[in-house]
């Protein structure tokens, strides 16, 4: 989790520096993408099945989330004050659409994996049935 938090901190520092230097949030586009990716990685590790592997104490995990929340609040302020009108709300809508697409892609990959497993099981079952039938036929002849 420390690696993800470090990545988020580094990306956020780049965002702030780019905005200070140019006054344009668009120049920090790749850093924003890295920040969001690191944020999502942290959230995944702290929720669900990855929680046990997140590492650190409860306090460390809580503080990591707090740091990300604070940085996201600052990013919102940057987008509101340095960006075009409605940039933040458009960004939120864009992120929601991207999350939806990722979930759909994950579901599609899961279904493909399940299909492959089911096909393998069916093939193994057929091979076993043919082997049993062949063995039975051989034993009945002899």
Protein backbone atom coordinates (compact mmCIF):
# COMPACT_ATOMS: atom_id res chain seq x y z
CA UNK A 1 0.00 0.00 0.00
CA UNK A 2 2.93 2.33 0.63
CA UNK A 3 3.95 2.05 -3.01
CA UNK A 4 0.49 3.12 -4.16
CA UNK A 5 0.42 6.00 -1.68
CA UNK A 6 3.87 7.12 -2.83
CA UNK A 7 2.70 6.99 -6.45
CA UNK A 8 -0.37 9.07 -5.59
CA UNK A 9 1.73 11.61 -3.68
CA UNK A 10 4.25 11.90 -6.53
CA UNK A 11 1.51 12.33 -9.13
CA UNK A 12 -0.25 14.94 -7.02
CA UNK A 13 3.01 16.87 -6.57
CA UNK A 14 3.40 16.92 -10.36
CA UNK A 15 -0.18 18.17 -10.76
CA UNK A 16 0.36 21.02 -8.29
CA UNK A 17 3.70 21.97 -9.88
CA UNK A 18 2.26 21.94 -13.41
CA UNK A 19 -0.65 24.13 -12.35
CA UNK A 20 1.65 26.55 -10.49
CA UNK A 21 3.98 26.81 -13.48
CA UNK A 22 1.42 27.09 -16.24
CA UNK A 23 -1.92 27.79 -14.60
CA UNK A 24 -3.37 25.04 -16.79
CA UNK A 25 -4.64 21.76 -15.35
CA UNK A 26 -4.65 20.19 -18.82
CA UNK A 27 -0.82 20.15 -18.81
CA UNK A 28 -0.95 17.71 -15.92
CA UNK A 29 -3.23 15.21 -17.65
CA UNK A 30 -0.97 12.18 -17.33
CA UNK A 31 -0.26 13.00 -13.68
CA UNK A 32 -4.00 13.20 -13.00
CA UNK A 33 -4.40 9.77 -14.61
CA UNK A 34 -1.59 8.36 -12.44
CA UNK A 35 -3.12 9.93 -9.32
CA UNK A 36 -6.54 8.43 -10.05
CA UNK A 37 -4.99 5.03 -10.80
CA UNK A 38 -3.04 5.06 -7.53
CA UNK A 39 -6.17 6.16 -5.65
CA UNK A 40 -8.16 3.27 -7.12
CA UNK A 41 -5.37 0.82 -6.27
CA UNK A 42 -5.38 1.99 -2.65
CA UNK A 43 -9.16 1.74 -2.43
CA UNK A 44 -9.10 -1.79 -3.89
CA UNK A 45 -6.48 -2.89 -1.40
CA UNK A 46 -8.43 -1.45 1.51
CA UNK A 47 -11.75 -3.00 0.54
CA UNK A 48 -12.98 -6.51 -0.06
CA UNK A 49 -10.70 -9.47 -0.57
CA UNK A 50 -7.49 -7.40 -0.75
CA UNK A 51 -7.97 -5.91 2.72
CA UNK A 52 -5.84 -8.52 4.46
CA UNK A 53 -2.97 -7.96 2.02
CA UNK A 54 -3.09 -4.16 2.27
CA UNK A 55 -0.44 -4.17 5.00
CA UNK A 56 0.08 -1.73 7.82
CA UNK A 57 -2.05 -1.03 10.83
CA UNK A 58 -5.62 0.14 10.76
CA UNK A 59 -4.38 3.64 11.53
CA UNK A 60 -1.92 3.58 8.63
CA UNK A 61 -4.61 2.45 6.21
CA UNK A 62 -7.02 5.08 7.54
CA UNK A 63 -4.41 7.83 7.23
CA UNK A 64 -3.60 6.75 3.67
CA UNK A 65 -7.26 7.14 2.75
CA UNK A 66 -7.39 10.52 4.50
CA UNK A 67 -4.35 11.72 2.56
CA UNK A 68 -5.97 10.66 -0.72
CA UNK A 69 -9.25 12.38 0.24
CA UNK A 70 -7.39 15.61 1.02
CA UNK A 71 -5.50 15.49 -2.26
CA UNK A 72 -8.70 14.81 -4.16
CA UNK A 73 -10.29 17.83 -2.45
CA UNK A 74 -7.35 19.96 -3.57
CA UNK A 75 -7.64 18.55 -7.11
CA UNK A 76 -11.31 19.53 -7.11
CA UNK A 77 -10.41 23.07 -6.08
CA UNK A 78 -7.74 23.25 -8.77
CA UNK A 79 -10.20 22.11 -11.43
CA UNK A 80 -12.86 24.52 -10.23
CA UNK A 81 -10.61 27.58 -10.01
CA UNK A 82 -8.02 26.88 -12.72
CA UNK A 83 -10.11 24.94 -15.22
CA UNK A 84 -13.01 25.77 -17.44
CA UNK A 85 -16.56 26.07 -16.12
CA UNK A 86 -18.06 22.70 -15.10
CA UNK A 87 -14.69 20.93 -15.49
CA UNK A 88 -15.04 19.17 -12.13
CA UNK A 89 -18.56 17.88 -12.82
CA UNK A 90 -17.52 16.77 -16.32
CA UNK A 91 -14.50 15.02 -14.77
CA UNK A 92 -16.73 13.24 -12.25
CA UNK A 93 -19.07 12.07 -15.03
CA UNK A 94 -16.10 10.91 -17.12
CA UNK A 95 -14.68 8.95 -14.18
CA UNK A 96 -18.04 7.29 -13.57
CA UNK A 97 -18.24 6.23 -17.21
CA UNK A 98 -14.68 4.87 -17.09
CA UNK A 99 -15.46 2.88 -13.93
CA UNK A 100 -18.55 1.45 -15.63
CA UNK A 101 -16.48 0.43 -18.67
CA UNK A 102 -13.83 -1.20 -16.45
CA UNK A 103 -16.50 -3.15 -14.56
CA UNK A 104 -18.01 -4.32 -17.86
CA UNK A 105 -14.56 -5.35 -19.14
CA UNK A 106 -13.87 -7.22 -15.88
CA UNK A 107 -17.23 -8.99 -16.14
CA UNK A 108 -16.53 -9.92 -19.77
CA UNK A 109 -13.11 -11.33 -18.82
CA UNK A 110 -14.68 -13.27 -15.93
CA UNK A 111 -17.33 -14.75 -18.21
CA UNK A 112 -14.69 -15.73 -20.77
CA UNK A 113 -12.65 -17.45 -18.06
CA UNK A 114 -15.75 -19.30 -16.82
CA UNK A 115 -16.56 -20.42 -20.39
CA UNK A 116 -13.04 -21.80 -20.83
CA UNK A 117 -13.26 -23.67 -17.52
CA UNK A 118 -16.67 -25.12 -18.40
CA UNK A 119 -15.44 -26.18 -21.86
CA UNK A 120 -12.42 -27.88 -20.31
CA UNK A 121 -14.60 -29.74 -17.80
CA UNK A 122 -16.93 -30.90 -20.58
CA UNK A 123 -14.01 -32.11 -22.71
CA UNK A 124 -12.50 -33.99 -19.76
CA UNK A 125 -15.90 -35.55 -19.00
CA UNK A 126 -16.29 -36.68 -22.62
CA UNK A 127 -12.78 -38.15 -22.68
CA UNK A 128 -13.48 -40.01 -19.44
CA UNK A 129 -16.80 -41.34 -20.74
CA UNK A 130 -15.15 -42.58 -23.96
CA UNK A 131 -12.38 -44.21 -21.91
CA UNK A 132 -14.91 -45.89 -19.61
CA UNK A 133 -17.00 -47.06 -22.57
CA UNK A 134 -13.88 -48.37 -24.34
CA UNK A 135 -12.73 -50.17 -21.23
CA UNK A 136 -16.19 -51.68 -20.70
CA UNK A 137 -16.36 -52.83 -24.32
CA UNK A 138 -12.89 -54.38 -24.05
CA UNK A 139 -13.76 -56.21 -20.83
CA UNK A 140 -17.07 -57.49 -22.20
CA UNK A 141 -15.37 -58.90 -25.33
CA UNK A 142 -12.66 -60.71 -23.50
